[in-house]
Amino acid sequence: MESHTKLSDSELLSQFEECSLVPSLFSPQAHLGLAWLLIQQYGAEEAEKCIQKLLKAYVNAFGAQDKYNTALTVGALKAENHFISRDKFKHFQAFISTYPRLKTDFKGLMASPYGFDIFNSSKAKRSFLEPDLLLFD
């Protein structure tokens, strides 16, 4: 399988929870899809807790702890929830088609509210940092 898009929502979530999703399938779009599913299932506040727990377990299972970034994980979920709250979407593909910047310029979108490099900050890897330039809400 070359893409996570061949998985159903329940398969993506299940494989991620079980840490059986092949890491090469966990693309930025798969990350967005996972966040979408968790927000739909639990609401933003609980999804924020859930995605942190799941991502930490996932990176630990593959020995990639250095790839986890708390500020980026929480910030991405908050940004995605901001866009989700604008419209009622029944499917992730409709959502991502309406807000393609989440897919095409995710890194730029996530970097824009910060006056420092959120991707390489050791502090950002450990905890969520409030944006110092723009707010997500």
N, C-alpha and C. Protein backbone atom coordinates (compact mmCIF):
# COMPACT_ATOMS: atom_id res chain seq x y z
N MET A 1 0.86 -1.17 0.00
CA MET A 1 0.00 0.00 0.00
C MET A 1 0.91 1.23 0.00
N GLU A 2 0.69 2.14 -0.95
CA GLU A 2 1.55 3.31 -1.05
C GLU A 2 0.97 4.56 -0.41
N SER A 3 -0.26 4.53 0.02
CA SER A 3 -0.88 5.73 0.57
C SER A 3 -1.88 5.40 1.66
N HIS A 4 -1.91 6.27 2.66
CA HIS A 4 -2.89 6.10 3.74
C HIS A 4 -4.32 6.29 3.23
N THR A 5 -4.49 6.94 2.09
CA THR A 5 -5.83 7.22 1.58
C THR A 5 -6.56 5.94 1.16
N LYS A 6 -5.84 4.84 1.04
CA LYS A 6 -6.48 3.58 0.71
C LYS A 6 -7.09 2.92 1.94
N LEU A 7 -6.82 3.50 3.11
CA LEU A 7 -7.39 3.00 4.36
C LEU A 7 -8.70 3.73 4.65
N SER A 8 -9.64 3.03 5.24
CA SER A 8 -10.85 3.70 5.71
C SER A 8 -10.47 4.52 6.94
N ASP A 9 -11.35 5.41 7.35
CA ASP A 9 -11.10 6.20 8.55
C ASP A 9 -10.85 5.30 9.76
N SER A 10 -11.67 4.28 9.90
CA SER A 10 -11.53 3.39 11.06
C SER A 10 -10.22 2.59 10.98
N GLU A 11 -9.81 2.21 9.77
CA GLU A 11 -8.54 1.49 9.62
C GLU A 11 -7.36 2.40 9.96
N LEU A 12 -7.39 3.64 9.49
CA LEU A 12 -6.32 4.59 9.79
C LEU A 12 -6.21 4.78 11.30
N LEU A 13 -7.32 5.05 11.94
CA LEU A 13 -7.31 5.28 13.38
C LEU A 13 -6.87 4.03 14.13
N SER A 14 -7.39 2.89 13.76
CA SER A 14 -7.05 1.63 14.42
C SER A 14 -5.57 1.30 14.27
N GLN A 15 -5.05 1.40 13.06
CA GLN A 15 -3.64 1.10 12.83
C GLN A 15 -2.74 2.09 13.55
N PHE A 16 -3.17 3.32 13.63
CA PHE A 16 -2.37 4.31 14.35
C PHE A 16 -2.38 4.02 15.84
N GLU A 17 -3.54 3.73 16.39
CA GLU A 17 -3.67 3.41 17.82
C GLU A 17 -2.84 2.18 18.19
N GLU A 18 -2.79 1.21 17.29
CA GLU A 18 -2.05 -0.03 17.53
C GLU A 18 -0.57 0.08 17.16
N CYS A 19 -0.18 1.25 16.66
CA CYS A 19 1.20 1.49 16.19
C CYS A 19 1.60 0.50 15.11
N SER A 20 0.62 0.10 14.30
CA SER A 20 0.90 -0.83 13.21
C SER A 20 0.87 -0.14 11.85
N LEU A 21 0.56 1.15 11.84
CA LEU A 21 0.58 1.90 10.58
C LEU A 21 2.04 2.06 10.15
N VAL A 22 2.34 1.66 8.94
CA VAL A 22 3.70 1.76 8.42
C VAL A 22 4.11 3.24 8.43
N PRO A 23 5.26 3.56 9.03
CA PRO A 23 5.66 4.98 9.13
C PRO A 23 5.68 5.73 7.81
N SER A 24 6.01 5.06 6.72
CA SER A 24 6.04 5.75 5.43
C SER A 24 4.64 6.21 5.00
N LEU A 25 3.59 5.63 5.58
CA LEU A 25 2.23 6.05 5.26
C LEU A 25 1.77 7.23 6.12
N PHE A 26 2.53 7.52 7.17
CA PHE A 26 2.11 8.61 8.06
C PHE A 26 2.66 9.94 7.56
N SER A 27 2.07 10.41 6.49
CA SER A 27 2.43 11.67 5.84
C SER A 27 1.78 12.84 6.58
N PRO A 28 2.16 14.07 6.24
CA PRO A 28 1.47 15.22 6.83
C PRO A 28 -0.05 15.17 6.60
N GLN A 29 -0.48 14.70 5.43
CA GLN A 29 -1.91 14.62 5.19
C GLN A 29 -2.55 13.54 6.07
N ALA A 30 -1.85 12.46 6.33
CA ALA A 30 -2.37 11.44 7.24
C ALA A 30 -2.48 12.01 8.65
N HIS A 31 -1.52 12.83 9.03
CA HIS A 31 -1.56 13.49 10.34
C HIS A 31 -2.79 14.38 10.43
N LEU A 32 -3.06 15.15 9.37
CA LEU A 32 -4.25 16.00 9.33
C LEU A 32 -5.52 15.15 9.38
N GLY A 33 -5.51 14.04 8.65
CA GLY A 33 -6.68 13.14 8.66
C GLY A 33 -6.92 12.55 10.03
N LEU A 34 -5.87 12.18 10.72
CA LEU A 34 -6.00 11.66 12.08
C LEU A 34 -6.58 12.72 13.00
N ALA A 35 -6.05 13.93 12.92
CA ALA A 35 -6.58 15.02 13.75
C ALA A 35 -8.05 15.27 13.44
N TRP A 36 -8.40 15.26 12.17
CA TRP A 36 -9.80 15.43 11.74
C TRP A 36 -10.69 14.39 12.41
N LEU A 37 -10.26 13.13 12.33
CA LEU A 37 -11.05 12.04 12.93
C LEU A 37 -11.22 12.23 14.44
N LEU A 38 -10.15 12.59 15.11
CA LEU A 38 -10.21 12.76 16.56
C LEU A 38 -11.09 13.95 16.95
N ILE A 39 -11.00 15.04 16.21
CA ILE A 39 -11.86 16.21 16.48
C ILE A 39 -13.32 15.84 16.27
N GLN A 40 -13.61 15.10 15.20
CA GLN A 40 -14.99 14.70 14.93
C GLN A 40 -15.51 13.76 16.01
N GLN A 41 -14.66 12.86 16.48
CA GLN A 41 -15.07 11.86 17.44
C GLN A 41 -15.17 12.39 18.87
N TYR A 42 -14.21 13.24 19.27
CA TYR A 42 -14.12 13.65 20.66
C TYR A 42 -14.33 15.13 20.94
N GLY A 43 -14.31 15.96 19.90
CA GLY A 43 -14.29 17.40 20.12
C GLY A 43 -12.85 17.85 20.29
N ALA A 44 -12.61 19.14 20.12
CA ALA A 44 -11.24 19.66 20.07
C ALA A 44 -10.46 19.46 21.37
N GLU A 45 -11.08 19.71 22.49
CA GLU A 45 -10.35 19.63 23.76
C GLU A 45 -9.86 18.21 24.05
N GLU A 46 -10.73 17.24 23.90
CA GLU A 46 -10.33 15.85 24.14
C GLU A 46 -9.41 15.34 23.03
N ALA A 47 -9.64 15.78 21.80
CA ALA A 47 -8.79 15.37 20.68
C ALA A 47 -7.36 15.84 20.90
N GLU A 48 -7.21 17.01 21.50
CA GLU A 48 -5.87 17.54 21.79
C GLU A 48 -5.11 16.60 22.72
N LYS A 49 -5.77 16.11 23.73
CA LYS A 49 -5.13 15.17 24.67
C LYS A 49 -4.86 13.84 23.97
N CYS A 50 -5.83 13.38 23.22
CA CYS A 50 -5.74 12.08 22.56
C CYS A 50 -4.62 12.04 21.53
N ILE A 51 -4.52 13.07 20.70
CA ILE A 51 -3.50 13.04 19.64
C ILE A 51 -2.10 13.08 20.23
N GLN A 52 -1.92 13.79 21.34
CA GLN A 52 -0.61 13.81 21.98
C GLN A 52 -0.24 12.41 22.49
N LYS A 53 -1.18 11.78 23.14
CA LYS A 53 -0.94 10.43 23.67
C LYS A 53 -0.64 9.45 22.54
N LEU A 54 -1.45 9.49 21.48
CA LEU A 54 -1.27 8.57 20.36
C LEU A 54 0.04 8.81 19.62
N LEU A 55 0.37 10.08 19.39
CA LEU A 55 1.61 10.37 18.66
C LEU A 55 2.84 9.99 19.47
N LYS A 56 2.80 10.23 20.77
CA LYS A 56 3.95 9.84 21.61
C LYS A 56 4.14 8.33 21.57
N ALA A 57 3.05 7.59 21.67
CA ALA A 57 3.13 6.12 21.61
C ALA A 57 3.65 5.67 20.24
N TYR A 58 3.17 6.31 19.19
CA TYR A 58 3.56 5.94 17.83
C TYR A 58 5.05 6.18 17.60
N VAL A 59 5.55 7.37 17.93
CA VAL A 59 6.97 7.64 17.71
C VAL A 59 7.85 6.76 18.60
N ASN A 60 7.38 6.47 19.80
CA ASN A 60 8.13 5.57 20.69
C ASN A 60 8.21 4.17 20.10
N ALA A 61 7.12 3.71 19.51
CA ALA A 61 7.09 2.36 18.92
C ALA A 61 8.09 2.21 17.79
N PHE A 62 8.41 3.31 17.11
CA PHE A 62 9.33 3.25 15.98
C PHE A 62 10.68 3.90 16.28
N GLY A 63 10.92 4.21 17.57
CA GLY A 63 12.21 4.79 17.96
C GLY A 63 12.47 6.15 17.35
N ALA A 64 11.42 6.90 17.15
CA ALA A 64 11.54 8.22 16.51
C ALA A 64 11.09 9.34 17.45
N GLN A 65 11.42 9.21 18.72
CA GLN A 65 10.99 10.19 19.72
C GLN A 65 11.44 11.62 19.37
N ASP A 66 12.56 11.75 18.69
CA ASP A 66 13.07 13.07 18.32
C ASP A 66 12.18 13.78 17.30
N LYS A 67 11.29 13.04 16.67
CA LYS A 67 10.38 13.64 15.68
C LYS A 67 9.15 14.28 16.31
N TYR A 68 8.87 13.93 17.57
CA TYR A 68 7.67 14.45 18.22
C TYR A 68 7.90 15.88 18.71
N ASN A 69 6.91 16.73 18.48
CA ASN A 69 6.98 18.14 18.86
C ASN A 69 5.61 18.52 19.44
N THR A 70 5.56 18.73 20.74
CA THR A 70 4.29 19.02 21.40
C THR A 70 3.65 20.29 20.87
N ALA A 71 4.43 21.36 20.76
CA ALA A 71 3.86 22.64 20.29
C ALA A 71 3.31 22.51 18.88
N LEU A 72 4.01 21.80 18.04
CA LEU A 72 3.54 21.61 16.67
C LEU A 72 2.29 20.74 16.63
N THR A 73 2.27 19.68 17.44
CA THR A 73 1.12 18.78 17.48
C THR A 73 -0.13 19.51 17.96
N VAL A 74 -0.01 20.22 19.07
CA VAL A 74 -1.16 20.95 19.62
C VAL A 74 -1.53 22.12 18.73
N GLY A 75 -0.53 22.85 18.26
CA GLY A 75 -0.79 23.98 17.37
C GLY A 75 -1.48 23.56 16.09
N ALA A 76 -1.06 22.44 15.52
CA ALA A 76 -1.68 21.93 14.29
C ALA A 76 -3.13 21.56 14.53
N LEU A 77 -3.39 20.92 15.65
CA LEU A 77 -4.78 20.55 15.97
C LEU A 77 -5.63 21.80 16.17
N LYS A 78 -5.09 22.80 16.84
CA LYS A 78 -5.83 24.05 17.06
C LYS A 78 -6.10 24.75 15.72
N ALA A 79 -5.11 24.77 14.86
CA ALA A 79 -5.28 25.40 13.54
C ALA A 79 -6.33 24.66 12.73
N GLU A 80 -6.23 23.34 12.74
CA GLU A 80 -7.20 22.54 11.99
C GLU A 80 -8.60 22.73 12.54
N ASN A 81 -8.73 22.74 13.85
CA ASN A 81 -10.04 22.95 14.46
C ASN A 81 -10.60 24.33 14.11
N HIS A 82 -9.73 25.31 14.01
CA HIS A 82 -10.16 26.66 13.61
C HIS A 82 -10.84 26.61 12.24
N PHE A 83 -10.24 25.89 11.31
CA PHE A 83 -10.82 25.78 9.97
C PHE A 83 -12.06 24.89 9.97
N ILE A 84 -12.04 23.83 10.75
CA ILE A 84 -13.20 22.94 10.83
C ILE A 84 -14.42 23.70 11.34
N SER A 85 -14.21 24.58 12.31
CA SER A 85 -15.33 25.31 12.91
C SER A 85 -15.99 26.32 11.97
N ARG A 86 -15.34 26.63 10.87
CA ARG A 86 -15.90 27.58 9.91
C ARG A 86 -17.05 27.00 9.10
N ASP A 87 -17.03 25.71 8.85
CA ASP A 87 -18.03 25.05 8.01
C ASP A 87 -18.34 23.68 8.59
N LYS A 88 -19.44 23.11 8.13
CA LYS A 88 -19.80 21.74 8.52
C LYS A 88 -19.39 20.82 7.38
N PHE A 89 -18.35 20.05 7.62
CA PHE A 89 -17.88 19.11 6.61
C PHE A 89 -18.23 17.70 7.05
N LYS A 90 -18.70 16.91 6.10
CA LYS A 90 -19.02 15.52 6.41
C LYS A 90 -17.85 14.60 6.13
N HIS A 91 -16.92 15.06 5.28
CA HIS A 91 -15.80 14.22 4.89
C HIS A 91 -14.50 15.02 4.91
N PHE A 92 -13.43 14.34 5.30
CA PHE A 92 -12.12 14.97 5.35
C PHE A 92 -11.71 15.53 4.00
N GLN A 93 -11.96 14.80 2.92
CA GLN A 93 -11.54 15.26 1.60
C GLN A 93 -12.21 16.58 1.23
N ALA A 94 -13.46 16.77 1.59
CA ALA A 94 -14.12 18.05 1.32
C ALA A 94 -13.47 19.16 2.14
N PHE A 95 -13.14 18.85 3.37
CA PHE A 95 -12.48 19.82 4.25
C PHE A 95 -11.13 20.24 3.68
N ILE A 96 -10.29 19.26 3.35
CA ILE A 96 -8.93 19.57 2.90
C ILE A 96 -8.95 20.24 1.52
N SER A 97 -9.97 19.96 0.72
CA SER A 97 -10.11 20.63 -0.58
C SER A 97 -10.49 22.10 -0.40
N THR A 98 -11.25 22.39 0.65
CA THR A 98 -11.66 23.76 0.94
C THR A 98 -10.52 24.57 1.53
N TYR A 99 -9.66 23.92 2.28
CA TYR A 99 -8.53 24.59 2.92
C TYR A 99 -7.22 23.91 2.50
N PRO A 100 -6.86 24.04 1.22
CA PRO A 100 -5.70 23.31 0.71
C PRO A 100 -4.37 23.75 1.31
N ARG A 101 -4.32 24.95 1.88
CA ARG A 101 -3.06 25.40 2.47
C ARG A 101 -2.61 24.48 3.61
N LEU A 102 -3.57 23.85 4.28
CA LEU A 102 -3.20 22.89 5.31
C LEU A 102 -2.35 21.76 4.72
N LYS A 103 -2.60 21.44 3.47
CA LYS A 103 -1.87 20.37 2.80
C LYS A 103 -0.65 20.90 2.04
N THR A 104 -0.81 22.02 1.35
CA THR A 104 0.24 22.50 0.46
C THR A 104 1.29 23.38 1.15
N ASP A 105 0.92 24.03 2.25
CA ASP A 105 1.88 24.90 2.95
C ASP A 105 1.72 24.75 4.46
N PHE A 106 1.62 23.52 4.90
CA PHE A 106 1.43 23.26 6.32
C PHE A 106 2.55 23.85 7.16
N LYS A 107 3.77 23.67 6.71
CA LYS A 107 4.92 24.17 7.47
C LYS A 107 4.86 25.69 7.59
N GLY A 108 4.55 26.37 6.51
CA GLY A 108 4.43 27.83 6.55
C GLY A 108 3.29 28.29 7.43
N LEU A 109 2.18 27.59 7.35
CA LEU A 109 1.02 27.93 8.17
C LEU A 109 1.35 27.79 9.65
N MET A 110 2.03 26.70 10.00
CA MET A 110 2.37 26.46 11.40
C MET A 110 3.45 27.41 11.90
N ALA A 111 4.35 27.83 11.03
CA ALA A 111 5.44 28.73 11.43
C ALA A 111 4.98 30.17 11.58
N SER A 112 3.94 30.57 10.85
CA SER A 112 3.55 31.98 10.78
C SER A 112 3.16 32.61 12.12
N PRO A 113 2.56 31.90 13.08
CA PRO A 113 2.21 32.57 14.33
C PRO A 113 3.38 32.71 15.31
N TYR A 114 4.55 32.20 14.93
CA TYR A 114 5.68 32.20 15.85
C TYR A 114 6.83 33.05 15.32
N GLY A 115 7.47 33.77 16.21
CA GLY A 115 8.63 34.58 15.87
C GLY A 115 9.93 33.81 16.06
N PHE A 116 9.86 32.50 16.19
CA PHE A 116 11.04 31.66 16.36
C PHE A 116 10.78 30.35 15.62
N ASP A 117 11.80 29.53 15.49
CA ASP A 117 11.69 28.27 14.75
C ASP A 117 11.03 27.20 15.62
N ILE A 118 9.73 27.07 15.47
CA ILE A 118 8.96 26.09 16.26
C ILE A 118 9.36 24.65 15.94
N PHE A 119 9.88 24.43 14.75
CA PHE A 119 10.21 23.07 14.32
C PHE A 119 11.47 22.52 15.00
N ASN A 120 12.37 23.42 15.38
CA ASN A 120 13.63 22.97 15.96
C ASN A 120 13.84 23.43 17.40
N SER A 121 12.84 23.98 18.00
CA SER A 121 12.93 24.44 19.38
C SER A 121 12.83 23.26 20.34
N SER A 122 13.80 23.11 21.22
CA SER A 122 13.74 22.02 22.20
C SER A 122 12.58 22.25 23.17
N LYS A 123 12.29 23.49 23.47
CA LYS A 123 11.16 23.80 24.36
C LYS A 123 9.84 23.42 23.69
N ALA A 124 9.71 23.67 22.39
CA ALA A 124 8.49 23.34 21.65
C ALA A 124 8.29 21.83 21.57
N LYS A 125 9.36 21.09 21.57
CA LYS A 125 9.23 19.63 21.54
C LYS A 125 8.60 19.10 22.82
N ARG A 126 8.83 19.81 23.92
CA ARG A 126 8.34 19.34 25.22
C ARG A 126 6.97 19.87 25.62
N SER A 127 6.62 21.08 25.16
CA SER A 127 5.35 21.66 25.61
C SER A 127 4.76 22.60 24.56
N PHE A 128 3.46 22.83 24.69
CA PHE A 128 2.81 23.76 23.78
C PHE A 128 3.23 25.18 24.14
N LEU A 129 3.57 25.94 23.14
CA LEU A 129 3.95 27.33 23.33
C LEU A 129 2.92 28.21 22.64
N GLU A 130 2.37 29.13 23.37
CA GLU A 130 1.40 30.04 22.77
C GLU A 130 2.08 30.83 21.67
N PRO A 131 1.40 31.04 20.57
CA PRO A 131 1.98 31.85 19.48
C PRO A 131 2.32 33.25 19.99
N ASP A 132 3.45 33.78 19.54
CA ASP A 132 3.84 35.11 19.95
C ASP A 132 3.56 36.18 18.90
N LEU A 133 3.09 35.79 17.72
CA LEU A 133 2.78 36.75 16.67
C LEU A 133 1.29 36.77 16.34
N LEU A 134 0.70 35.65 16.07
CA LEU A 134 -0.72 35.55 15.71
C LEU A 134 -1.38 34.47 16.53
N LEU A 135 -2.63 34.62 16.81
CA LEU A 135 -3.36 33.58 17.53
C LEU A 135 -4.15 32.75 16.53
N PHE A 136 -4.39 31.48 16.86
CA PHE A 136 -5.14 30.59 15.98
C PHE A 136 -6.63 30.89 16.01
N ASP A 137 -7.15 31.35 17.12
CA ASP A 137 -8.60 31.56 17.22
C ASP A 137 -8.95 32.94 16.81
